[in-house]
Structure formats: structure tokens, C-alpha cells
Amino acid sequence: MDDGWSKTRHFEITSKARADYQFHNAYKTSIEGDPHPVVAILTLNFSSH
């Protein structure tokens, strides 16, 4: 993803599902916008094991 995004991380939702995500501590939707922390879910994998 663009600058400021973390590397892709993995979160075990259950023993049979995983979410891959990235986060940004100060994401803005426009130049004038206020920065906010954001988590972007990239994939949900229900067959990771």
C-alpha cells in the first residue's frame, strides 16, 4: 500500500481462519482531512490451515 502503511500482518480469527491486514497511524482521505488511525483488511482466508 502507499507510504505510511505497515507491512502486511496476520491475525488468527479462529483455528481455521486468518485475516491479513495493514495499518496506518495517521491516514487522511484528502490533503485537508484530519489524520486518523486506520486498519485495512486485505484478505480473509478460511482455509489457512
N, C-alpha and C. Protein backbone atom coordinates (compact mmCIF):
# COMPACT_ATOMS: atom_id res chain seq x y z
N MET A 1 0.84 -1.18 0.00
CA MET A 1 0.00 0.00 0.00
C MET A 1 0.88 1.24 0.00
N ASP A 2 0.28 2.42 0.02
CA ASP A 2 1.01 3.68 -0.05
C ASP A 2 1.89 3.90 1.17
N ASP A 3 2.71 4.94 1.10
CA ASP A 3 3.58 5.30 2.22
C ASP A 3 2.79 5.47 3.51
N GLY A 4 3.40 5.07 4.60
CA GLY A 4 2.75 5.17 5.90
C GLY A 4 2.03 3.91 6.32
N TRP A 5 1.81 2.97 5.40
CA TRP A 5 1.14 1.72 5.74
C TRP A 5 2.15 0.73 6.28
N SER A 6 1.74 -0.08 7.23
CA SER A 6 2.60 -1.11 7.80
C SER A 6 2.80 -2.23 6.79
N LYS A 7 3.74 -3.12 7.10
CA LYS A 7 3.83 -4.34 6.30
C LYS A 7 2.60 -5.18 6.61
N THR A 8 2.29 -6.12 5.75
CA THR A 8 1.12 -6.97 5.96
C THR A 8 1.32 -7.83 7.21
N ARG A 9 0.31 -7.83 8.04
CA ARG A 9 0.32 -8.63 9.28
C ARG A 9 -0.80 -9.65 9.19
N HIS A 10 -0.72 -10.68 10.05
CA HIS A 10 -1.70 -11.76 10.05
C HIS A 10 -2.32 -11.86 11.44
N PHE A 11 -3.63 -12.07 11.47
CA PHE A 11 -4.35 -12.24 12.72
C PHE A 11 -5.17 -13.51 12.63
N GLU A 12 -4.97 -14.42 13.57
CA GLU A 12 -5.74 -15.66 13.61
C GLU A 12 -7.11 -15.36 14.22
N ILE A 13 -8.15 -15.44 13.40
CA ILE A 13 -9.51 -15.19 13.87
C ILE A 13 -10.01 -16.39 14.67
N THR A 14 -9.85 -17.56 14.09
CA THR A 14 -10.14 -18.84 14.74
C THR A 14 -9.04 -19.79 14.31
N SER A 15 -9.12 -21.03 14.72
CA SER A 15 -8.11 -22.00 14.30
C SER A 15 -8.20 -22.30 12.81
N LYS A 16 -9.29 -21.87 12.15
CA LYS A 16 -9.47 -22.16 10.72
C LYS A 16 -9.61 -20.91 9.86
N ALA A 17 -9.36 -19.73 10.42
CA ALA A 17 -9.50 -18.51 9.64
C ALA A 17 -8.43 -17.51 10.03
N ARG A 18 -7.98 -16.75 9.02
CA ARG A 18 -6.95 -15.75 9.23
C ARG A 18 -7.28 -14.49 8.45
N ALA A 19 -7.00 -13.33 9.04
CA ALA A 19 -7.15 -12.04 8.36
C ALA A 19 -5.77 -11.47 8.12
N ASP A 20 -5.52 -11.01 6.91
CA ASP A 20 -4.30 -10.29 6.58
C ASP A 20 -4.67 -8.81 6.53
N TYR A 21 -3.88 -7.98 7.20
CA TYR A 21 -4.23 -6.57 7.30
C TYR A 21 -2.98 -5.69 7.32
N GLN A 22 -3.20 -4.40 7.11
CA GLN A 22 -2.18 -3.38 7.27
C GLN A 22 -2.81 -2.23 8.05
N PHE A 23 -1.97 -1.44 8.72
CA PHE A 23 -2.50 -0.29 9.45
C PHE A 23 -1.70 0.96 9.12
N HIS A 24 -2.34 2.08 9.35
CA HIS A 24 -1.75 3.40 9.12
C HIS A 24 -2.12 4.25 10.33
N ASN A 25 -1.15 4.83 10.98
CA ASN A 25 -1.41 5.59 12.21
C ASN A 25 -2.03 6.96 11.98
N ALA A 26 -1.90 7.52 10.77
CA ALA A 26 -2.41 8.87 10.52
C ALA A 26 -2.92 9.00 9.09
N TYR A 27 -3.90 8.18 8.72
CA TYR A 27 -4.45 8.19 7.37
C TYR A 27 -5.36 9.39 7.15
N LYS A 28 -5.23 10.02 5.99
CA LYS A 28 -6.10 11.14 5.61
C LYS A 28 -6.73 10.83 4.27
N THR A 29 -8.02 11.14 4.12
CA THR A 29 -8.71 10.91 2.85
C THR A 29 -8.47 12.04 1.86
N SER A 30 -7.97 13.18 2.35
CA SER A 30 -7.64 14.30 1.48
C SER A 30 -6.54 15.12 2.16
N ILE A 31 -5.95 16.04 1.43
CA ILE A 31 -4.89 16.89 1.99
C ILE A 31 -5.41 17.70 3.17
N GLU A 32 -6.66 18.15 3.09
CA GLU A 32 -7.25 18.97 4.15
C GLU A 32 -7.82 18.13 5.30
N GLY A 33 -7.95 16.85 5.12
CA GLY A 33 -8.60 16.00 6.10
C GLY A 33 -7.80 15.81 7.38
N ASP A 34 -8.50 15.41 8.44
CA ASP A 34 -7.85 15.12 9.71
C ASP A 34 -7.28 13.71 9.68
N PRO A 35 -6.07 13.52 10.24
CA PRO A 35 -5.49 12.18 10.27
C PRO A 35 -6.16 11.29 11.33
N HIS A 36 -6.38 10.03 10.97
CA HIS A 36 -6.98 9.05 11.88
C HIS A 36 -6.27 7.71 11.71
N PRO A 37 -6.18 6.92 12.79
CA PRO A 37 -5.64 5.57 12.64
C PRO A 37 -6.64 4.70 11.87
N VAL A 38 -6.12 3.89 10.94
CA VAL A 38 -6.97 3.07 10.08
C VAL A 38 -6.37 1.67 9.97
N VAL A 39 -7.23 0.66 9.96
CA VAL A 39 -6.83 -0.72 9.66
C VAL A 39 -7.51 -1.12 8.37
N ALA A 40 -6.73 -1.63 7.42
CA ALA A 40 -7.26 -2.10 6.14
C ALA A 40 -7.18 -3.62 6.12
N ILE A 41 -8.33 -4.28 6.03
CA ILE A 41 -8.38 -5.75 5.90
C ILE A 41 -8.10 -6.08 4.44
N LEU A 42 -7.03 -6.80 4.18
CA LEU A 42 -6.66 -7.13 2.80
C LEU A 42 -7.31 -8.43 2.34
N THR A 43 -7.27 -9.44 3.19
CA THR A 43 -7.88 -10.73 2.84
C THR A 43 -8.42 -11.41 4.09
N LEU A 44 -9.44 -12.21 3.89
CA LEU A 44 -9.93 -13.13 4.90
C LEU A 44 -9.77 -14.51 4.32
N ASN A 45 -9.01 -15.36 5.00
CA ASN A 45 -8.70 -16.68 4.49
C ASN A 45 -9.31 -17.73 5.43
N PHE A 46 -10.24 -18.51 4.91
CA PHE A 46 -10.91 -19.54 5.71
C PHE A 46 -10.33 -20.93 5.50
N SER A 47 -9.22 -20.99 4.77
CA SER A 47 -8.57 -22.29 4.57
C SER A 47 -7.06 -22.17 4.81
N SER A 48 -6.69 -21.37 5.79
CA SER A 48 -5.26 -21.11 6.04
C SER A 48 -4.56 -22.28 6.70
N HIS A 49 -5.31 -23.28 7.21
CA HIS A 49 -4.67 -24.41 7.89
C HIS A 49 -5.12 -25.72 7.27
